[in-house]
Amino acid sequence: MYKLLRSILFRFNTESVHHFSMGCLSVVCKVGFLRKLLSAQFTHKHPSLHKELFGLKFSNPVGLGAGFDKNALYLTELQALGFGFVEIGTVTPRPQAGNDMPRLFRLPQDKALINRMGFNNDGVEVIAKRLKVWKNNLPSTVEQIVIGGNIGKNKVTPNEDAWKDYEICFNALFDVVDYFVVNVSSPNTPGLRELQEKDALHKILSNLQTINQNKPKSKPLLLKIAPDLTNEQLDDIVSLALEVKLDGLVATNTTISREGLKTTSSLVASIGLGGLSGKPVQKRSTEVVAYLAKQLQGCIPIIASGGIFTGSDAKEKLAAGASLVQVWTGFVYEGPAIAKRICVELKVKSLE
């Protein structure tokens, strides 16, 4: 059924389809009994899927990565679709429109997307208020889904002042998210990836941890990294993560590589700059997860992201050393039942 619907939706602008689809889902979820029917259809529950990590309880290990619900508009809808956790953002201190449209492109032959969204979001104050209202209006009978806050810097903020932007977002979202992810790995904000260098990153993370530890109860702090880092750079990440006592790593973000694509080079060239996600990044993402897991030896958990479309893909990441997985591009290609399908396969595996 979704394949037929996808063939129709893929005829239209990618970003417009995203907003249209989620808008339709929101209309359905505003009707209580329809939301319950939707949840019953798309949620797969089983004790073997429960995970406890960073002191948080996840109903299942399948999450939705940052970038899908940038502004925390669709949390009720995404919970009804069976996700164990949702990462909002990337959120910046001030609202920003992001890059010029079009900025999101499908590569169906590769089961991939190229995006250069540019951290378009409503700004941290608006998003924090929206999250507070959502939490307060959640029915007492509904268990709240785990919410991660992915934070970044505004495009106009110079790198030497980036730490201030991350601090603003951290403080503003502290009471309304369950964990934080520091995003310095998006290729769509000029100069952002330079913050992955050890000295720049140390300033950002150590400052956040100082604030974090002075709170009555600290929040888990994670770092999202690019798949394009060398082993030497990954070693620096591991060293820094241990030094500042990070709670976890998210591996990986999108890639700037265009190697091995089936899509014609002329079409790829016409799209231009942006981060590539989906199946083409799967292998490298798994390699990064495996390398980090070997270096960390279980000291710090890993959330895996990159090319996860099926239960087998999720198992690959978990076998490589991840504790949780996130989908994004897979959601676009596989449809609203993706979390349920992965959970069914993971449950079967756990019972073997």
Protein backbone atom coordinates (compact mmCIF):
# COMPACT_ATOMS: atom_id res chain seq x y z
CA MET A 1 0.00 0.00 0.00
CA TYR A 2 2.74 2.49 0.96
CA LYS A 3 4.69 1.71 -2.22
CA LEU A 4 1.72 2.91 -4.27
CA LEU A 5 1.32 6.01 -2.12
CA ARG A 6 5.06 6.66 -2.29
CA SER A 7 5.02 6.52 -6.09
CA ILE A 8 2.47 9.35 -6.03
CA LEU A 9 4.16 11.41 -3.32
CA PHE A 10 7.55 11.13 -5.01
CA ARG A 11 6.16 13.09 -7.96
CA PHE A 12 6.07 16.23 -5.82
CA ASN A 13 8.60 18.47 -4.07
CA THR A 14 10.27 16.56 -1.25
CA GLU A 15 9.94 19.19 1.47
CA SER A 16 6.35 20.04 0.55
CA VAL A 17 5.39 16.36 0.70
CA HIS A 18 6.94 16.10 4.16
CA HIS A 19 4.80 18.95 5.51
CA PHE A 20 1.68 17.70 3.73
CA SER A 21 2.04 14.13 5.02
CA MET A 22 2.70 15.16 8.60
CA GLY A 23 -0.14 17.68 8.43
CA CYS A 24 -2.55 14.92 7.39
CA LEU A 25 -1.28 12.75 10.24
CA SER A 26 -1.81 15.61 12.68
CA VAL A 27 -5.45 15.96 11.62
CA VAL A 28 -6.00 12.26 12.31
CA CYS A 29 -4.29 12.41 15.70
CA LYS A 30 -6.46 15.28 16.87
CA VAL A 31 -9.34 12.80 17.09
CA GLY A 32 -8.80 10.68 20.19
CA PHE A 33 -10.16 7.34 19.00
CA LEU A 34 -8.41 7.69 15.62
CA ARG A 35 -5.11 8.34 17.37
CA LYS A 36 -5.63 5.20 19.45
CA LEU A 37 -6.43 3.17 16.33
CA LEU A 38 -3.31 4.52 14.65
CA SER A 39 -1.16 3.67 17.66
CA ALA A 40 -2.61 0.16 17.84
CA GLN A 41 -1.82 -0.35 14.16
CA PHE A 42 1.75 0.97 14.18
CA THR A 43 3.08 0.24 17.68
CA HIS A 44 4.70 -3.06 18.57
CA LYS A 45 5.20 -3.63 22.27
CA HIS A 46 7.18 -6.41 23.92
CA PRO A 47 9.27 -6.56 27.12
CA SER A 48 12.29 -7.76 25.13
CA LEU A 49 12.36 -4.40 23.32
CA HIS A 50 12.64 -2.30 26.47
CA LYS A 51 15.96 -0.51 26.89
CA GLU A 52 17.40 1.49 29.77
CA LEU A 53 20.20 3.87 28.84
CA PHE A 54 21.58 7.10 30.30
CA GLY A 55 19.16 6.53 33.17
CA LEU A 56 16.23 6.77 30.72
CA LYS A 57 13.67 4.09 29.91
CA PHE A 58 12.95 3.47 26.22
CA SER A 59 9.90 1.43 25.20
CA ASN A 60 11.92 0.18 22.23
CA PRO A 61 15.35 0.95 20.70
CA VAL A 62 14.07 2.51 17.45
CA GLY A 63 14.15 6.28 17.34
CA LEU A 64 13.63 9.04 14.80
CA GLY A 65 16.74 11.10 14.11
CA ALA A 66 17.06 14.86 14.26
CA GLY A 67 15.95 16.84 11.22
CA PHE A 68 12.56 15.20 10.75
CA ASP A 69 10.69 17.09 13.47
CA LYS A 70 12.90 20.15 13.75
CA ASN A 71 10.34 22.25 15.62
CA ALA A 72 8.73 19.66 17.93
CA LEU A 73 5.46 19.88 16.00
CA TYR A 74 4.67 16.18 15.58
CA LEU A 75 5.57 14.40 18.82
CA THR A 76 2.08 13.00 19.42
CA GLU A 77 1.96 11.72 15.84
CA LEU A 78 5.42 10.14 15.97
CA GLN A 79 4.67 8.45 19.26
CA ALA A 80 1.54 6.97 17.65
CA LEU A 81 3.78 5.55 14.90
CA GLY A 82 5.63 3.45 17.46
CA PHE A 83 8.97 5.19 17.88
CA GLY A 84 10.80 4.61 21.14
CA PHE A 85 12.30 8.09 21.10
CA VAL A 86 12.38 11.21 18.94
CA GLU A 87 15.18 13.72 18.56
CA ILE A 88 13.98 17.24 17.79
CA GLY A 89 16.02 19.92 16.09
CA THR A 90 18.60 20.90 15.22
CA VAL A 91 17.58 23.87 17.40
CA THR A 92 19.48 27.18 17.35
CA PRO A 93 19.21 30.17 19.71
CA ARG A 94 17.54 32.46 17.16
CA PRO A 95 15.03 31.44 14.49
CA GLN A 96 16.50 31.00 11.04
CA ALA A 97 14.99 30.24 7.67
CA GLY A 98 17.76 27.90 6.55
CA ASN A 99 19.13 27.67 3.04
CA ASP A 100 17.26 28.59 -0.13
CA MET A 101 14.78 26.11 -1.60
CA PRO A 102 14.89 23.58 -3.09
CA ARG A 103 17.12 22.04 -0.41
CA LEU A 104 15.93 18.45 -0.03
CA PHE A 105 16.34 15.96 -2.87
CA ARG A 106 15.52 12.28 -3.40
CA LEU A 107 17.82 9.78 -5.11
CA PRO A 108 15.41 6.82 -5.50
CA GLN A 109 17.92 4.61 -7.31
CA ASP A 110 20.16 4.82 -4.25
CA LYS A 111 17.42 4.94 -1.60
CA ALA A 112 19.01 8.17 -0.49
CA LEU A 113 18.40 11.84 0.19
CA ILE A 114 20.59 14.89 -0.21
CA ASN A 115 19.72 17.79 2.07
CA ARG A 116 21.14 21.21 2.68
CA MET A 117 18.41 22.47 4.98
CA GLY A 118 20.71 24.72 7.00
CA PHE A 119 19.27 24.35 10.50
CA ASN A 120 15.91 25.92 9.60
CA ASN A 121 13.94 26.15 12.85
CA ASP A 122 11.70 28.38 14.94
CA GLY A 123 14.38 29.23 17.50
CA VAL A 124 14.90 27.81 20.95
CA GLU A 125 12.43 30.03 22.86
CA VAL A 126 9.46 29.07 20.67
CA ILE A 127 10.40 25.39 20.62
CA ALA A 128 10.93 25.23 24.38
CA LYS A 129 7.46 26.74 24.97
CA ARG A 130 5.92 24.30 22.48
CA LEU A 131 7.51 21.34 24.28
CA LYS A 132 6.29 22.59 27.65
CA VAL A 133 2.71 22.87 26.37
CA TRP A 134 2.94 19.40 24.80
CA LYS A 135 4.17 17.85 28.03
CA ASN A 136 1.50 19.58 30.11
CA ASN A 137 -1.30 18.48 27.77
CA LEU A 138 -0.21 14.86 27.53
CA PRO A 139 -2.99 12.57 28.85
CA SER A 140 -2.09 10.92 32.15
CA THR A 141 -2.83 7.53 30.61
CA VAL A 142 -0.17 8.02 27.91
CA GLU A 143 3.46 7.26 28.73
CA GLN A 144 5.64 10.10 27.47
CA ILE A 145 8.03 9.21 24.68
CA VAL A 146 11.73 9.97 25.29
CA ILE A 147 12.66 13.31 23.69
CA GLY A 148 16.17 14.28 22.68
CA GLY A 149 17.19 17.87 22.01
CA ASN A 150 19.65 18.28 19.14
CA ILE A 151 21.35 21.68 19.47
CA GLY A 152 23.51 23.78 17.16
CA LYS A 153 24.70 27.29 16.42
CA ASN A 154 23.19 30.00 14.26
CA LYS A 155 24.75 30.48 10.83
CA VAL A 156 25.78 34.06 11.64
CA THR A 157 27.54 33.13 14.88
CA PRO A 158 31.31 32.97 14.40
CA ASN A 159 32.96 29.71 15.44
CA GLU A 160 34.87 31.37 18.28
CA ASP A 161 31.51 32.24 19.87
CA ALA A 162 29.78 28.96 19.02
CA TRP A 163 30.00 27.74 22.62
CA LYS A 164 27.66 30.57 23.64
CA ASP A 165 24.95 29.37 21.22
CA TYR A 166 25.15 25.82 22.54
CA GLU A 167 24.91 27.14 26.11
CA ILE A 168 21.79 29.19 25.28
CA CYS A 169 20.06 26.17 23.74
CA PHE A 170 21.12 23.88 26.56
CA ASN A 171 19.70 26.15 29.25
CA ALA A 172 16.47 26.91 27.37
CA LEU A 173 15.65 23.26 26.63
CA PHE A 174 16.93 21.76 29.86
CA ASP A 175 13.55 21.29 31.54
CA VAL A 176 11.69 20.04 28.46
CA VAL A 177 13.95 17.39 26.88
CA ASP A 178 15.31 14.13 28.29
CA TYR A 179 18.77 14.21 26.73
CA PHE A 180 20.93 16.49 24.59
CA VAL A 181 22.89 15.94 21.39
CA VAL A 182 25.54 18.47 20.38
CA ASN A 183 25.55 18.77 16.60
CA VAL A 184 28.85 19.93 15.12
CA SER A 185 28.76 17.53 12.18
CA SER A 186 26.18 18.90 9.74
CA PRO A 187 27.76 19.86 6.41
CA ASN A 188 25.09 22.50 5.75
CA THR A 189 26.24 25.31 8.07
CA PRO A 190 29.46 26.91 6.79
CA GLY A 191 32.41 26.12 9.05
CA LEU A 192 30.39 24.01 11.49
CA ARG A 193 32.41 20.84 10.96
CA GLU A 194 35.54 22.72 12.01
CA LEU A 195 34.08 22.53 15.53
CA GLN A 196 34.76 18.76 15.47
CA GLU A 197 38.44 19.56 15.98
CA LYS A 198 39.48 18.64 19.49
CA ASP A 199 40.21 22.08 20.96
CA ALA A 200 37.04 23.73 19.65
CA LEU A 201 34.93 20.79 20.71
CA HIS A 202 36.48 20.67 24.16
CA LYS A 203 35.42 24.26 24.82
CA ILE A 204 31.81 23.56 23.86
CA LEU A 205 31.44 20.26 25.69
CA SER A 206 33.34 21.14 28.86
CA ASN A 207 31.27 24.31 29.25
CA LEU A 208 28.01 22.38 28.85
CA GLN A 209 29.13 19.72 31.30
CA THR A 210 30.04 22.37 33.88
CA ILE A 211 26.53 23.81 33.61
CA ASN A 212 25.05 20.30 33.57
CA GLN A 213 26.80 19.17 36.73
CA ASN A 214 25.62 22.26 38.60
CA LYS A 215 21.97 21.40 37.94
CA PRO A 216 20.01 19.59 40.68
CA LYS A 217 19.87 16.62 38.30
CA SER A 218 22.05 16.48 35.21
CA LYS A 219 20.81 15.48 31.75
CA PRO A 220 22.57 12.99 29.44
CA LEU A 221 24.89 14.82 27.03
CA LEU A 222 25.79 13.21 23.70
CA LEU A 223 27.80 14.24 20.64
CA LYS A 224 26.81 13.60 17.01
CA ILE A 225 29.70 12.99 14.62
CA ALA A 226 30.21 12.83 10.87
CA PRO A 227 30.95 9.62 8.94
CA ASP A 228 33.79 11.38 7.10
CA LEU A 229 36.21 11.48 10.04
CA THR A 230 39.50 9.58 9.87
CA ASN A 231 40.44 7.01 12.51
CA GLU A 232 42.82 9.57 14.01
CA GLN A 233 39.98 12.06 14.32
CA LEU A 234 37.75 9.38 15.81
CA ASP A 235 40.48 8.65 18.35
CA ASP A 236 40.42 12.33 19.33
CA ILE A 237 36.63 12.11 19.74
CA VAL A 238 36.96 9.04 21.97
CA SER A 239 39.65 10.72 24.09
CA LEU A 240 37.58 13.87 24.48
CA ALA A 241 34.37 11.95 25.21
CA LEU A 242 36.08 10.15 28.08
CA GLU A 243 37.75 13.32 29.35
CA VAL A 244 34.56 15.40 29.57
CA LYS A 245 32.49 12.38 30.61
CA LEU A 246 30.01 12.39 27.73
CA ASP A 247 27.04 10.08 28.17
CA GLY A 248 27.01 8.87 24.58
CA LEU A 249 27.83 9.35 20.91
CA VAL A 250 25.53 9.47 17.88
CA ALA A 251 27.14 7.92 14.80
CA THR A 252 26.65 9.15 12.19
CA ASN A 253 25.40 12.30 10.51
CA THR A 254 25.15 12.70 6.73
CA THR A 255 28.19 12.41 4.47
CA ILE A 256 29.69 14.84 1.97
CA SER A 257 30.92 11.88 -0.11
CA ARG A 258 29.24 10.99 -3.41
CA GLU A 259 31.15 7.76 -4.05
CA GLY A 260 29.43 4.67 -5.44
CA LEU A 261 26.09 6.26 -6.31
CA LYS A 262 23.86 4.65 -8.95
CA THR A 263 22.21 7.98 -9.74
CA THR A 264 23.78 9.61 -12.79
CA SER A 265 26.69 11.89 -11.98
CA SER A 266 25.11 14.72 -13.97
CA LEU A 267 21.97 14.66 -11.81
CA VAL A 268 24.01 14.49 -8.61
CA ALA A 269 26.14 17.40 -9.82
CA SER A 270 23.02 19.44 -10.64
CA ILE A 271 21.78 19.01 -7.06
CA GLY A 272 24.99 20.43 -5.68
CA LEU A 273 26.09 20.65 -2.08
CA GLY A 274 24.41 18.90 0.84
CA GLY A 275 24.62 15.93 3.17
CA LEU A 276 23.92 12.51 1.70
CA SER A 277 21.89 10.07 3.81
CA GLY A 278 20.30 6.67 3.36
CA LYS A 279 21.68 3.43 1.96
CA PRO A 280 24.93 4.93 0.57
CA VAL A 281 26.07 5.86 4.10
CA GLN A 282 25.08 2.54 5.71
CA LYS A 283 28.42 0.75 5.36
CA ARG A 284 30.55 3.67 6.53
CA SER A 285 28.22 4.41 9.43
CA THR A 286 28.48 0.81 10.63
CA GLU A 287 32.28 0.96 10.31
CA VAL A 288 32.37 4.08 12.48
CA VAL A 289 30.08 2.50 15.08
CA ALA A 290 32.25 -0.62 15.20
CA TYR A 291 35.46 1.40 15.49
CA LEU A 292 34.09 3.58 18.27
CA ALA A 293 32.69 0.58 20.14
CA LYS A 294 36.08 -1.14 20.02
CA GLN A 295 37.87 1.94 21.29
CA LEU A 296 35.32 2.72 24.00
CA GLN A 297 35.00 -0.85 25.31
CA GLY A 298 31.51 -0.23 26.63
CA CYS A 299 32.43 2.92 28.56
CA ILE A 300 30.11 5.13 26.53
CA PRO A 301 26.97 3.96 24.66
CA ILE A 302 26.43 4.66 20.96
CA ILE A 303 23.25 5.57 19.10
CA ALA A 304 23.60 4.39 15.49
CA SER A 305 22.19 6.29 12.54
CA GLY A 306 22.78 5.83 8.83
CA GLY A 307 21.11 3.63 6.25
CA ILE A 308 18.69 1.84 8.57
CA PHE A 309 15.65 0.68 6.59
CA THR A 310 14.90 -2.80 7.98
CA GLY A 311 15.26 -4.95 11.05
CA SER A 312 18.35 -6.52 9.48
CA ASP A 313 19.92 -3.07 9.12
CA ALA A 314 19.17 -2.34 12.78
CA LYS A 315 20.64 -5.69 13.85
CA GLU A 316 23.80 -4.85 11.90
CA LYS A 317 24.24 -1.63 13.87
CA LEU A 318 23.47 -3.30 17.21
CA ALA A 319 25.92 -6.12 16.43
CA ALA A 320 28.57 -3.49 15.64
CA GLY A 321 28.18 -2.10 19.17
CA ALA A 322 25.27 0.33 19.15
CA SER A 323 22.71 0.39 21.97
CA LEU A 324 19.94 2.27 20.11
CA VAL A 325 19.22 3.06 16.46
CA GLN A 326 17.70 6.02 14.64
CA VAL A 327 15.97 6.17 11.27
CA TRP A 328 15.29 9.14 9.00
CA THR A 329 15.73 8.48 5.30
CA GLY A 330 14.40 4.97 5.87
CA PHE A 331 11.15 6.51 7.11
CA VAL A 332 10.75 8.36 3.80
CA TYR A 333 11.30 5.22 1.71
CA GLU A 334 9.71 2.54 3.94
CA GLY A 335 6.78 4.52 5.29
CA PRO A 336 5.01 4.92 8.63
CA ALA A 337 5.29 1.24 9.61
CA ILE A 338 9.09 1.29 9.71
CA ALA A 339 9.43 1.40 13.50
CA LYS A 340 6.96 -1.46 13.96
CA ARG A 341 8.64 -3.64 11.33
CA ILE A 342 12.07 -3.14 12.86
CA CYS A 343 10.74 -3.83 16.35
CA VAL A 344 9.07 -7.07 15.19
CA GLU A 345 12.36 -8.30 13.73
CA LEU A 346 14.35 -7.26 16.81
CA LYS A 347 11.86 -9.02 19.10
CA VAL A 348 12.12 -12.22 17.08
CA LYS A 349 15.91 -12.02 17.25
CA SER A 350 15.86 -11.53 21.02
CA LEU A 351 13.65 -14.60 21.45
CA GLU A 352 15.83 -16.92 19.34
